[in-house]
Amino acid sequence: HADGSATMYVSDVLPDSADFEVVQWWAA
């Protein structure tokens, strides 16, 4: 997640979003 790699498809929070890491953590 810190390296910009998603482990779940979230269509409105992409790697350039400030919320990317926390949303991917929550999704995981």
mmCIF file of all heavy atoms, coordinates in Angstrom:
data_MODEL
# 
_entry.id   MODEL 
# 
loop_
_atom_site.group_PDB 
_atom_site.id 
_atom_site.type_symbol 
_atom_site.label_atom_id 
_atom_site.label_alt_id 
_atom_site.label_comp_id 
_atom_site.label_asym_id 
_atom_site.label_entity_id 
_atom_site.label_seq_id 
_atom_site.pdbx_PDB_ins_code 
_atom_site.Cartn_x 
_atom_site.Cartn_y 
_atom_site.Cartn_z 
_atom_site.occupancy 
_atom_site.B_iso_or_equiv 
_atom_site.pdbx_formal_charge 
_atom_site.auth_seq_id 
_atom_site.auth_comp_id 
_atom_site.auth_asym_id 
_atom_site.auth_atom_id 
_atom_site.pdbx_PDB_model_num 
ATOM 1   N N   . HIS A 1 1  ? 0.834   -1.210 0.000   1.00 0.00 ? 1  HIS A N   1 
ATOM 2   C CA  . HIS A 1 1  ? 0.000   0.000  0.000   1.00 0.00 ? 1  HIS A CA  1 
ATOM 3   C C   . HIS A 1 1  ? 0.869   1.260  0.000   1.00 0.00 ? 1  HIS A C   1 
ATOM 4   O O   . HIS A 1 1  ? 0.579   2.230  -0.713  1.00 0.00 ? 1  HIS A O   1 
ATOM 5   C CB  . HIS A 1 1  ? -0.939  0.001  1.209   1.00 0.00 ? 1  HIS A CB  1 
ATOM 6   C CG  . HIS A 1 1  ? -1.864  -1.175 1.244   1.00 0.00 ? 1  HIS A CG  1 
ATOM 7   N ND1 . HIS A 1 1  ? -2.462  -1.617 2.398   1.00 0.00 ? 1  HIS A ND1 1 
ATOM 8   C CD2 . HIS A 1 1  ? -2.291  -2.018 0.259   1.00 0.00 ? 1  HIS A CD2 1 
ATOM 9   C CE1 . HIS A 1 1  ? -3.222  -2.674 2.135   1.00 0.00 ? 1  HIS A CE1 1 
ATOM 10  N NE2 . HIS A 1 1  ? -3.136  -2.924 0.846   1.00 0.00 ? 1  HIS A NE2 1 
ATOM 11  N N   . ALA A 1 2  ? 1.943   1.252  0.794   1.00 0.00 ? 2  ALA A N   1 
ATOM 12  C CA  . ALA A 1 2  ? 2.849   2.397  0.826   1.00 0.00 ? 2  ALA A CA  1 
ATOM 13  C C   . ALA A 1 2  ? 3.549   2.590  -0.524  1.00 0.00 ? 2  ALA A C   1 
ATOM 14  O O   . ALA A 1 2  ? 3.941   3.714  -0.871  1.00 0.00 ? 2  ALA A O   1 
ATOM 15  C CB  . ALA A 1 2  ? 3.883   2.206  1.929   1.00 0.00 ? 2  ALA A CB  1 
ATOM 16  N N   . ASP A 1 3  ? 3.682   1.504  -1.274  1.00 0.00 ? 3  ASP A N   1 
ATOM 17  C CA  . ASP A 1 3  ? 4.312   1.550  -2.589  1.00 0.00 ? 3  ASP A CA  1 
ATOM 18  C C   . ASP A 1 3  ? 3.275   1.774  -3.701  1.00 0.00 ? 3  ASP A C   1 
ATOM 19  O O   . ASP A 1 3  ? 3.578   1.607  -4.885  1.00 0.00 ? 3  ASP A O   1 
ATOM 20  C CB  . ASP A 1 3  ? 5.072   0.233  -2.836  1.00 0.00 ? 3  ASP A CB  1 
ATOM 21  C CG  . ASP A 1 3  ? 6.170   0.379  -3.877  1.00 0.00 ? 3  ASP A CG  1 
ATOM 22  O OD1 . ASP A 1 3  ? 6.536   1.519  -4.222  1.00 0.00 ? 3  ASP A OD1 1 
ATOM 23  O OD2 . ASP A 1 3  ? 6.661   -0.667 -4.355  1.00 0.00 ? 3  ASP A OD2 1 
ATOM 24  N N   . GLY A 1 4  ? 2.049   2.119  -3.315  1.00 0.00 ? 4  GLY A N   1 
ATOM 25  C CA  . GLY A 1 4  ? 1.021   2.445  -4.290  1.00 0.00 ? 4  GLY A CA  1 
ATOM 26  C C   . GLY A 1 4  ? 0.313   1.271  -4.917  1.00 0.00 ? 4  GLY A C   1 
ATOM 27  O O   . GLY A 1 4  ? -0.401  1.435  -5.907  1.00 0.00 ? 4  GLY A O   1 
ATOM 28  N N   . SER A 1 5  ? 0.496   0.070  -4.353  1.00 0.00 ? 5  SER A N   1 
ATOM 29  C CA  . SER A 1 5  ? -0.103  -1.125 -4.948  1.00 0.00 ? 5  SER A CA  1 
ATOM 30  C C   . SER A 1 5  ? -1.362  -1.526 -4.187  1.00 0.00 ? 5  SER A C   1 
ATOM 31  O O   . SER A 1 5  ? -1.343  -1.713 -2.966  1.00 0.00 ? 5  SER A O   1 
ATOM 32  C CB  . SER A 1 5  ? 0.894   -2.290 -4.929  1.00 0.00 ? 5  SER A CB  1 
ATOM 33  O OG  . SER A 1 5  ? 0.407   -3.376 -5.675  1.00 0.00 ? 5  SER A OG  1 
ATOM 34  N N   . ALA A 1 6  ? -2.462  -1.652 -4.904  1.00 0.00 ? 6  ALA A N   1 
ATOM 35  C CA  . ALA A 1 6  ? -3.751  -1.981 -4.295  1.00 0.00 ? 6  ALA A CA  1 
ATOM 36  C C   . ALA A 1 6  ? -3.904  -3.485 -4.116  1.00 0.00 ? 6  ALA A C   1 
ATOM 37  O O   . ALA A 1 6  ? -3.499  -4.270 -4.980  1.00 0.00 ? 6  ALA A O   1 
ATOM 38  C CB  . ALA A 1 6  ? -4.887  -1.447 -5.151  1.00 0.00 ? 6  ALA A CB  1 
ATOM 39  N N   . THR A 1 7  ? -4.507  -3.877 -3.028  1.00 0.00 ? 7  THR A N   1 
ATOM 40  C CA  . THR A 1 7  ? -4.841  -5.283 -2.805  1.00 0.00 ? 7  THR A CA  1 
ATOM 41  C C   . THR A 1 7  ? -6.347  -5.520 -2.917  1.00 0.00 ? 7  THR A C   1 
ATOM 42  O O   . THR A 1 7  ? -6.809  -6.641 -2.780  1.00 0.00 ? 7  THR A O   1 
ATOM 43  C CB  . THR A 1 7  ? -4.339  -5.749 -1.430  1.00 0.00 ? 7  THR A CB  1 
ATOM 44  O OG1 . THR A 1 7  ? -4.870  -4.902 -0.407  1.00 0.00 ? 7  THR A OG1 1 
ATOM 45  C CG2 . THR A 1 7  ? -2.819  -5.694 -1.378  1.00 0.00 ? 7  THR A CG2 1 
ATOM 46  N N   . MET A 1 8  ? -7.098  -4.455 -3.143  1.00 0.00 ? 8  MET A N   1 
ATOM 47  C CA  . MET A 1 8  ? -8.519  -4.551 -3.468  1.00 0.00 ? 8  MET A CA  1 
ATOM 48  C C   . MET A 1 8  ? -8.880  -3.407 -4.413  1.00 0.00 ? 8  MET A C   1 
ATOM 49  O O   . MET A 1 8  ? -8.346  -2.304 -4.294  1.00 0.00 ? 8  MET A O   1 
ATOM 50  C CB  . MET A 1 8  ? -9.407  -4.495 -2.223  1.00 0.00 ? 8  MET A CB  1 
ATOM 51  C CG  . MET A 1 8  ? -10.904 -4.524 -2.542  1.00 0.00 ? 8  MET A CG  1 
ATOM 52  S SD  . MET A 1 8  ? -11.976 -4.572 -1.077  1.00 0.00 ? 8  MET A SD  1 
ATOM 53  C CE  . MET A 1 8  ? -11.952 -6.343 -0.733  1.00 0.00 ? 8  MET A CE  1 
ATOM 54  N N   . TYR A 1 9  ? -9.762  -3.680 -5.344  1.00 0.00 ? 9  TYR A N   1 
ATOM 55  C CA  . TYR A 1 9  ? -10.236 -2.678 -6.306  1.00 0.00 ? 9  TYR A CA  1 
ATOM 56  C C   . TYR A 1 9  ? -11.162 -1.702 -5.593  1.00 0.00 ? 9  TYR A C   1 
ATOM 57  O O   . TYR A 1 9  ? -12.222 -2.080 -5.077  1.00 0.00 ? 9  TYR A O   1 
ATOM 58  C CB  . TYR A 1 9  ? -10.967 -3.403 -7.421  1.00 0.00 ? 9  TYR A CB  1 
ATOM 59  C CG  . TYR A 1 9  ? -11.466 -2.557 -8.587  1.00 0.00 ? 9  TYR A CG  1 
ATOM 60  C CD1 . TYR A 1 9  ? -10.790 -2.581 -9.803  1.00 0.00 ? 9  TYR A CD1 1 
ATOM 61  C CD2 . TYR A 1 9  ? -12.622 -1.796 -8.494  1.00 0.00 ? 9  TYR A CD2 1 
ATOM 62  C CE1 . TYR A 1 9  ? -11.255 -1.855 -10.893 1.00 0.00 ? 9  TYR A CE1 1 
ATOM 63  C CE2 . TYR A 1 9  ? -13.092 -1.071 -9.568  1.00 0.00 ? 9  TYR A CE2 1 
ATOM 64  C CZ  . TYR A 1 9  ? -12.409 -1.106 -10.771 1.00 0.00 ? 9  TYR A CZ  1 
ATOM 65  O OH  . TYR A 1 9  ? -12.870 -0.391 -11.853 1.00 0.00 ? 9  TYR A OH  1 
ATOM 66  N N   . VAL A 1 10 ? -10.749 -0.439 -5.526  1.00 0.00 ? 10 VAL A N   1 
ATOM 67  C CA  . VAL A 1 10 ? -11.578 0.634  -4.963  1.00 0.00 ? 10 VAL A CA  1 
ATOM 68  C C   . VAL A 1 10 ? -11.606 1.729  -6.020  1.00 0.00 ? 10 VAL A C   1 
ATOM 69  O O   . VAL A 1 10 ? -10.623 2.430  -6.235  1.00 0.00 ? 10 VAL A O   1 
ATOM 70  C CB  . VAL A 1 10 ? -11.012 1.152  -3.630  1.00 0.00 ? 10 VAL A CB  1 
ATOM 71  C CG1 . VAL A 1 10 ? -11.958 2.202  -3.046  1.00 0.00 ? 10 VAL A CG1 1 
ATOM 72  C CG2 . VAL A 1 10 ? -10.813 0.002  -2.641  1.00 0.00 ? 10 VAL A CG2 1 
ATOM 73  N N   . SER A 1 11 ? -12.725 1.879  -6.680  1.00 0.00 ? 11 SER A N   1 
ATOM 74  C CA  . SER A 1 11 ? -12.768 2.653  -7.921  1.00 0.00 ? 11 SER A CA  1 
ATOM 75  C C   . SER A 1 11 ? -12.593 4.156  -7.746  1.00 0.00 ? 11 SER A C   1 
ATOM 76  O O   . SER A 1 11 ? -12.232 4.848  -8.694  1.00 0.00 ? 11 SER A O   1 
ATOM 77  C CB  . SER A 1 11 ? -14.086 2.376  -8.653  1.00 0.00 ? 11 SER A CB  1 
ATOM 78  O OG  . SER A 1 11 ? -15.198 2.768  -7.856  1.00 0.00 ? 11 SER A OG  1 
ATOM 79  N N   . ASP A 1 12 ? -12.827 4.666  -6.533  1.00 0.00 ? 12 ASP A N   1 
ATOM 80  C CA  . ASP A 1 12 ? -12.769 6.124  -6.349  1.00 0.00 ? 12 ASP A CA  1 
ATOM 81  C C   . ASP A 1 12 ? -11.662 6.572  -5.402  1.00 0.00 ? 12 ASP A C   1 
ATOM 82  O O   . ASP A 1 12 ? -11.619 7.741  -5.012  1.00 0.00 ? 12 ASP A O   1 
ATOM 83  C CB  . ASP A 1 12 ? -14.123 6.659  -5.866  1.00 0.00 ? 12 ASP A CB  1 
ATOM 84  C CG  . ASP A 1 12 ? -14.583 6.039  -4.562  1.00 0.00 ? 12 ASP A CG  1 
ATOM 85  O OD1 . ASP A 1 12 ? -14.011 5.006  -4.149  1.00 0.00 ? 12 ASP A OD1 1 
ATOM 86  O OD2 . ASP A 1 12 ? -15.534 6.579  -3.952  1.00 0.00 ? 12 ASP A OD2 1 
ATOM 87  N N   . VAL A 1 13 ? -10.764 5.654  -5.026  1.00 0.00 ? 13 VAL A N   1 
ATOM 88  C CA  . VAL A 1 13 ? -9.601  6.013  -4.203  1.00 0.00 ? 13 VAL A CA  1 
ATOM 89  C C   . VAL A 1 13 ? -8.382  5.361  -4.843  1.00 0.00 ? 13 VAL A C   1 
ATOM 90  O O   . VAL A 1 13 ? -8.079  4.196  -4.595  1.00 0.00 ? 13 VAL A O   1 
ATOM 91  C CB  . VAL A 1 13 ? -9.755  5.565  -2.738  1.00 0.00 ? 13 VAL A CB  1 
ATOM 92  C CG1 . VAL A 1 13 ? -8.572  6.079  -1.899  1.00 0.00 ? 13 VAL A CG1 1 
ATOM 93  C CG2 . VAL A 1 13 ? -11.069 6.070  -2.144  1.00 0.00 ? 13 VAL A CG2 1 
ATOM 94  N N   . LEU A 1 14 ? -7.716  6.118  -5.681  1.00 0.00 ? 14 LEU A N   1 
ATOM 95  C CA  . LEU A 1 14 ? -6.618  5.601  -6.495  1.00 0.00 ? 14 LEU A CA  1 
ATOM 96  C C   . LEU A 1 14 ? -5.265  5.896  -5.843  1.00 0.00 ? 14 LEU A C   1 
ATOM 97  O O   . LEU A 1 14 ? -5.195  6.613  -4.845  1.00 0.00 ? 14 LEU A O   1 
ATOM 98  C CB  . LEU A 1 14 ? -6.720  6.182  -7.893  1.00 0.00 ? 14 LEU A CB  1 
ATOM 99  C CG  . LEU A 1 14 ? -8.057  5.905  -8.606  1.00 0.00 ? 14 LEU A CG  1 
ATOM 100 C CD1 . LEU A 1 14 ? -8.046  6.474  -10.017 1.00 0.00 ? 14 LEU A CD1 1 
ATOM 101 C CD2 . LEU A 1 14 ? -8.391  4.418  -8.613  1.00 0.00 ? 14 LEU A CD2 1 
ATOM 102 N N   . PRO A 1 15 ? -4.165  5.360  -6.385  1.00 0.00 ? 15 PRO A N   1 
ATOM 103 C CA  . PRO A 1 15 ? -2.864  5.500  -5.716  1.00 0.00 ? 15 PRO A CA  1 
ATOM 104 C C   . PRO A 1 15 ? -2.401  6.933  -5.482  1.00 0.00 ? 15 PRO A C   1 
ATOM 105 O O   . PRO A 1 15 ? -1.569  7.163  -4.599  1.00 0.00 ? 15 PRO A O   1 
ATOM 106 C CB  . PRO A 1 15 ? -1.921  4.765  -6.674  1.00 0.00 ? 15 PRO A CB  1 
ATOM 107 C CG  . PRO A 1 15 ? -2.774  3.734  -7.317  1.00 0.00 ? 15 PRO A CG  1 
ATOM 108 C CD  . PRO A 1 15 ? -4.098  4.398  -7.503  1.00 0.00 ? 15 PRO A CD  1 
ATOM 109 N N   . ASP A 1 16 ? -2.917  7.890  -6.224  1.00 0.00 ? 16 ASP A N   1 
ATOM 110 C CA  . ASP A 1 16 ? -2.499  9.280  -6.007  1.00 0.00 ? 16 ASP A CA  1 
ATOM 111 C C   . ASP A 1 16 ? -3.367  10.000 -4.979  1.00 0.00 ? 16 ASP A C   1 
ATOM 112 O O   . ASP A 1 16 ? -3.204  11.204 -4.748  1.00 0.00 ? 16 ASP A O   1 
ATOM 113 C CB  . ASP A 1 16 ? -2.496  10.052 -7.327  1.00 0.00 ? 16 ASP A CB  1 
ATOM 114 C CG  . ASP A 1 16 ? -3.842  10.044 -8.032  1.00 0.00 ? 16 ASP A CG  1 
ATOM 115 O OD1 . ASP A 1 16 ? -4.765  9.339  -7.562  1.00 0.00 ? 16 ASP A OD1 1 
ATOM 116 O OD2 . ASP A 1 16 ? -3.980  10.712 -9.070  1.00 0.00 ? 16 ASP A OD2 1 
ATOM 117 N N   . SER A 1 17 ? -4.273  9.270  -4.334  1.00 0.00 ? 17 SER A N   1 
ATOM 118 C CA  . SER A 1 17 ? -5.129  9.858  -3.306  1.00 0.00 ? 17 SER A CA  1 
ATOM 119 C C   . SER A 1 17 ? -4.434  9.831  -1.947  1.00 0.00 ? 17 SER A C   1 
ATOM 120 O O   . SER A 1 17 ? -3.749  8.864  -1.594  1.00 0.00 ? 17 SER A O   1 
ATOM 121 C CB  . SER A 1 17 ? -6.452  9.091  -3.208  1.00 0.00 ? 17 SER A CB  1 
ATOM 122 O OG  . SER A 1 17 ? -7.165  9.452  -2.040  1.00 0.00 ? 17 SER A OG  1 
ATOM 123 N N   . ALA A 1 18 ? -4.632  10.881 -1.151  1.00 0.00 ? 18 ALA A N   1 
ATOM 124 C CA  . ALA A 1 18 ? -4.080  10.926 0.202   1.00 0.00 ? 18 ALA A CA  1 
ATOM 125 C C   . ALA A 1 18 ? -4.680  9.841  1.085   1.00 0.00 ? 18 ALA A C   1 
ATOM 126 O O   . ALA A 1 18 ? -4.099  9.467  2.114   1.00 0.00 ? 18 ALA A O   1 
ATOM 127 C CB  . ALA A 1 18 ? -4.327  12.307 0.812   1.00 0.00 ? 18 ALA A CB  1 
ATOM 128 N N   . ASP A 1 19 ? -5.840  9.322  0.697   1.00 0.00 ? 19 ASP A N   1 
ATOM 129 C CA  . ASP A 1 19 ? -6.514  8.288  1.487   1.00 0.00 ? 19 ASP A CA  1 
ATOM 130 C C   . ASP A 1 19 ? -6.209  6.874  1.004   1.00 0.00 ? 19 ASP A C   1 
ATOM 131 O O   . ASP A 1 19 ? -6.765  5.905  1.546   1.00 0.00 ? 19 ASP A O   1 
ATOM 132 C CB  . ASP A 1 19 ? -8.029  8.509  1.433   1.00 0.00 ? 19 ASP A CB  1 
ATOM 133 C CG  . ASP A 1 19 ? -8.478  9.737  2.196   1.00 0.00 ? 19 ASP A CG  1 
ATOM 134 O OD1 . ASP A 1 19 ? -8.003  9.927  3.326   1.00 0.00 ? 19 ASP A OD1 1 
ATOM 135 O OD2 . ASP A 1 19 ? -9.289  10.503 1.650   1.00 0.00 ? 19 ASP A OD2 1 
ATOM 136 N N   . PHE A 1 20 ? -5.351  6.735  0.015   1.00 0.00 ? 20 PHE A N   1 
ATOM 137 C CA  . PHE A 1 20 ? -5.137  5.419  -0.593  1.00 0.00 ? 20 PHE A CA  1 
ATOM 138 C C   . PHE A 1 20 ? -4.706  4.364  0.432   1.00 0.00 ? 20 PHE A C   1 
ATOM 139 O O   . PHE A 1 20 ? -5.302  3.280  0.509   1.00 0.00 ? 20 PHE A O   1 
ATOM 140 C CB  . PHE A 1 20 ? -4.088  5.506  -1.712  1.00 0.00 ? 20 PHE A CB  1 
ATOM 141 C CG  . PHE A 1 20 ? -3.764  4.187  -2.351  1.00 0.00 ? 20 PHE A CG  1 
ATOM 142 C CD1 . PHE A 1 20 ? -4.630  3.612  -3.275  1.00 0.00 ? 20 PHE A CD1 1 
ATOM 143 C CD2 . PHE A 1 20 ? -2.598  3.499  -2.024  1.00 0.00 ? 20 PHE A CD2 1 
ATOM 144 C CE1 . PHE A 1 20 ? -4.336  2.386  -3.861  1.00 0.00 ? 20 PHE A CE1 1 
ATOM 145 C CE2 . PHE A 1 20 ? -2.296  2.280  -2.611  1.00 0.00 ? 20 PHE A CE2 1 
ATOM 146 C CZ  . PHE A 1 20 ? -3.164  1.720  -3.528  1.00 0.00 ? 20 PHE A CZ  1 
ATOM 147 N N   . GLU A 1 21 ? -3.692  4.675  1.238   1.00 0.00 ? 21 GLU A N   1 
ATOM 148 C CA  . GLU A 1 21 ? -3.169  3.660  2.164   1.00 0.00 ? 21 GLU A CA  1 
ATOM 149 C C   . GLU A 1 21 ? -4.190  3.258  3.216   1.00 0.00 ? 21 GLU A C   1 
ATOM 150 O O   . GLU A 1 21 ? -4.356  2.065  3.510   1.00 0.00 ? 21 GLU A O   1 
ATOM 151 C CB  . GLU A 1 21 ? -1.890  4.160  2.827   1.00 0.00 ? 21 GLU A CB  1 
ATOM 152 C CG  . GLU A 1 21 ? -0.697  4.218  1.892   1.00 0.00 ? 21 GLU A CG  1 
ATOM 153 C CD  . GLU A 1 21 ? 0.575   4.586  2.625   1.00 0.00 ? 21 GLU A CD  1 
ATOM 154 O OE1 . GLU A 1 21 ? 0.943   3.876  3.585   1.00 0.00 ? 21 GLU A OE1 1 
ATOM 155 O OE2 . GLU A 1 21 ? 1.200   5.604  2.248   1.00 0.00 ? 21 GLU A OE2 1 
ATOM 156 N N   . VAL A 1 22 ? -4.891  4.243  3.802   1.00 0.00 ? 22 VAL A N   1 
ATOM 157 C CA  . VAL A 1 22 ? -5.836  3.887  4.865   1.00 0.00 ? 22 VAL A CA  1 
ATOM 158 C C   . VAL A 1 22 ? -7.028  3.126  4.304   1.00 0.00 ? 22 VAL A C   1 
ATOM 159 O O   . VAL A 1 22 ? -7.540  2.189  4.939   1.00 0.00 ? 22 VAL A O   1 
ATOM 160 C CB  . VAL A 1 22 ? -6.302  5.132  5.648   1.00 0.00 ? 22 VAL A CB  1 
ATOM 161 C CG1 . VAL A 1 22 ? -5.128  5.760  6.366   1.00 0.00 ? 22 VAL A CG1 1 
ATOM 162 C CG2 . VAL A 1 22 ? -7.016  6.138  4.768   1.00 0.00 ? 22 VAL A CG2 1 
ATOM 163 N N   . VAL A 1 23 ? -7.478  3.480  3.116   1.00 0.00 ? 23 VAL A N   1 
ATOM 164 C CA  . VAL A 1 23 ? -8.617  2.775  2.512   1.00 0.00 ? 23 VAL A CA  1 
ATOM 165 C C   . VAL A 1 23 ? -8.210  1.350  2.137   1.00 0.00 ? 23 VAL A C   1 
ATOM 166 O O   . VAL A 1 23 ? -8.978  0.398  2.344   1.00 0.00 ? 23 VAL A O   1 
ATOM 167 C CB  . VAL A 1 23 ? -9.153  3.553  1.294   1.00 0.00 ? 23 VAL A CB  1 
ATOM 168 C CG1 . VAL A 1 23 ? -10.136 2.701  0.492   1.00 0.00 ? 23 VAL A CG1 1 
ATOM 169 C CG2 . VAL A 1 23 ? -9.831  4.834  1.753   1.00 0.00 ? 23 VAL A CG2 1 
ATOM 170 N N   . GLN A 1 24 ? -7.004  1.184  1.596   1.00 0.00 ? 24 GLN A N   1 
ATOM 171 C CA  . GLN A 1 24 ? -6.556  -0.160 1.264   1.00 0.00 ? 24 GLN A CA  1 
ATOM 172 C C   . GLN A 1 24 ? -6.369  -1.011 2.527   1.00 0.00 ? 24 GLN A C   1 
ATOM 173 O O   . GLN A 1 24 ? -6.681  -2.206 2.531   1.00 0.00 ? 24 GLN A O   1 
ATOM 174 C CB  . GLN A 1 24 ? -5.261  -0.096 0.457   1.00 0.00 ? 24 GLN A CB  1 
ATOM 175 C CG  . GLN A 1 24 ? -5.460  0.310  -0.997  1.00 0.00 ? 24 GLN A CG  1 
ATOM 176 C CD  . GLN A 1 24 ? -6.231  -0.719 -1.801  1.00 0.00 ? 24 GLN A CD  1 
ATOM 177 O OE1 . GLN A 1 24 ? -6.035  -1.920 -1.656  1.00 0.00 ? 24 GLN A OE1 1 
ATOM 178 N NE2 . GLN A 1 24 ? -7.145  -0.248 -2.649  1.00 0.00 ? 24 GLN A NE2 1 
ATOM 179 N N   . TRP A 1 25 ? -5.882  -0.396 3.596   1.00 0.00 ? 25 TRP A N   1 
ATOM 180 C CA  . TRP A 1 25 ? -5.771  -1.118 4.875   1.00 0.00 ? 25 TRP A CA  1 
ATOM 181 C C   . TRP A 1 25 ? -7.147  -1.583 5.354   1.00 0.00 ? 25 TRP A C   1 
ATOM 182 O O   . TRP A 1 25 ? -7.329  -2.744 5.750   1.00 0.00 ? 25 TRP A O   1 
ATOM 183 C CB  . TRP A 1 25 ? -5.129  -0.196 5.918   1.00 0.00 ? 25 TRP A CB  1 
ATOM 184 C CG  . TRP A 1 25 ? -5.315  -0.670 7.334   1.00 0.00 ? 25 TRP A CG  1 
ATOM 185 C CD1 . TRP A 1 25 ? -4.665  -1.713 7.943   1.00 0.00 ? 25 TRP A CD1 1 
ATOM 186 C CD2 . TRP A 1 25 ? -6.235  -0.148 8.298   1.00 0.00 ? 25 TRP A CD2 1 
ATOM 187 N NE1 . TRP A 1 25 ? -5.123  -1.863 9.236   1.00 0.00 ? 25 TRP A NE1 1 
ATOM 188 C CE2 . TRP A 1 25 ? -6.086  -0.916 9.483   1.00 0.00 ? 25 TRP A CE2 1 
ATOM 189 C CE3 . TRP A 1 25 ? -7.156  0.904  8.289   1.00 0.00 ? 25 TRP A CE3 1 
ATOM 190 C CZ2 . TRP A 1 25 ? -6.827  -0.657 10.637  1.00 0.00 ? 25 TRP A CZ2 1 
ATOM 191 C CZ3 . TRP A 1 25 ? -7.894  1.156  9.437   1.00 0.00 ? 25 TRP A CZ3 1 
ATOM 192 C CH2 . TRP A 1 25 ? -7.733  0.386  10.588  1.00 0.00 ? 25 TRP A CH2 1 
ATOM 193 N N   . TRP A 1 26 ? -8.105  -0.691 5.300   1.00 0.00 ? 26 TRP A N   1 
ATOM 194 C CA  . TRP A 1 26 ? -9.456  -1.023 5.753   1.00 0.00 ? 26 TRP A CA  1 
ATOM 195 C C   . TRP A 1 26 ? -10.088 -2.088 4.838   1.00 0.00 ? 26 TRP A C   1 
ATOM 196 O O   . TRP A 1 26 ? -10.740 -3.007 5.311   1.00 0.00 ? 26 TRP A O   1 
ATOM 197 C CB  . TRP A 1 26 ? -10.299 0.243  5.769   1.00 0.00 ? 26 TRP A CB  1 
ATOM 198 C CG  . TRP A 1 26 ? -11.632 0.135  6.458   1.00 0.00 ? 26 TRP A CG  1 
ATOM 199 C CD1 . TRP A 1 26 ? -12.861 0.303  5.885   1.00 0.00 ? 26 TRP A CD1 1 
ATOM 200 C CD2 . TRP A 1 26 ? -11.873 -0.135 7.840   1.00 0.00 ? 26 TRP A CD2 1 
ATOM 201 N NE1 . TRP A 1 26 ? -13.858 0.148  6.811   1.00 0.00 ? 26 TRP A NE1 1 
ATOM 202 C CE2 . TRP A 1 26 ? -13.279 -0.121 8.034   1.00 0.00 ? 26 TRP A CE2 1 
ATOM 203 C CE3 . TRP A 1 26 ? -11.042 -0.391 8.925   1.00 0.00 ? 26 TRP A CE3 1 
ATOM 204 C CZ2 . TRP A 1 26 ? -13.853 -0.359 9.275   1.00 0.00 ? 26 TRP A CZ2 1 
ATOM 205 C CZ3 . TRP A 1 26 ? -11.627 -0.625 10.173  1.00 0.00 ? 26 TRP A CZ3 1 
ATOM 206 C CH2 . TRP A 1 26 ? -13.012 -0.609 10.334  1.00 0.00 ? 26 TRP A CH2 1 
ATOM 207 N N   . ALA A 1 27 ? -9.852  -1.953 3.556   1.00 0.00 ? 27 ALA A N   1 
ATOM 208 C CA  . ALA A 1 27 ? -10.388 -2.927 2.606   1.00 0.00 ? 27 ALA A CA  1 
ATOM 209 C C   . ALA A 1 27 ? -9.777  -4.304 2.839   1.00 0.00 ? 27 ALA A C   1 
ATOM 210 O O   . ALA A 1 27 ? -10.468 -5.331 2.762   1.00 0.00 ? 27 ALA A O   1 
ATOM 211 C CB  . ALA A 1 27 ? -10.125 -2.467 1.178   1.00 0.00 ? 27 ALA A CB  1 
ATOM 212 N N   . ALA A 1 28 ? -8.459  -4.351 3.107   1.00 0.00 ? 28 ALA A N   1 
ATOM 213 C CA  . ALA A 1 28 ? -7.784  -5.630 3.341   1.00 0.00 ? 28 ALA A CA  1 
ATOM 214 C C   . ALA A 1 28 ? -8.323  -6.333 4.574   1.00 0.00 ? 28 ALA A C   1 
ATOM 215 O O   . ALA A 1 28 ? -8.290  -7.570 4.667   1.00 0.00 ? 28 ALA A O   1 
ATOM 216 C CB  . ALA A 1 28 ? -6.276  -5.403 3.480   1.00 0.00 ? 28 ALA A CB  1 
# 
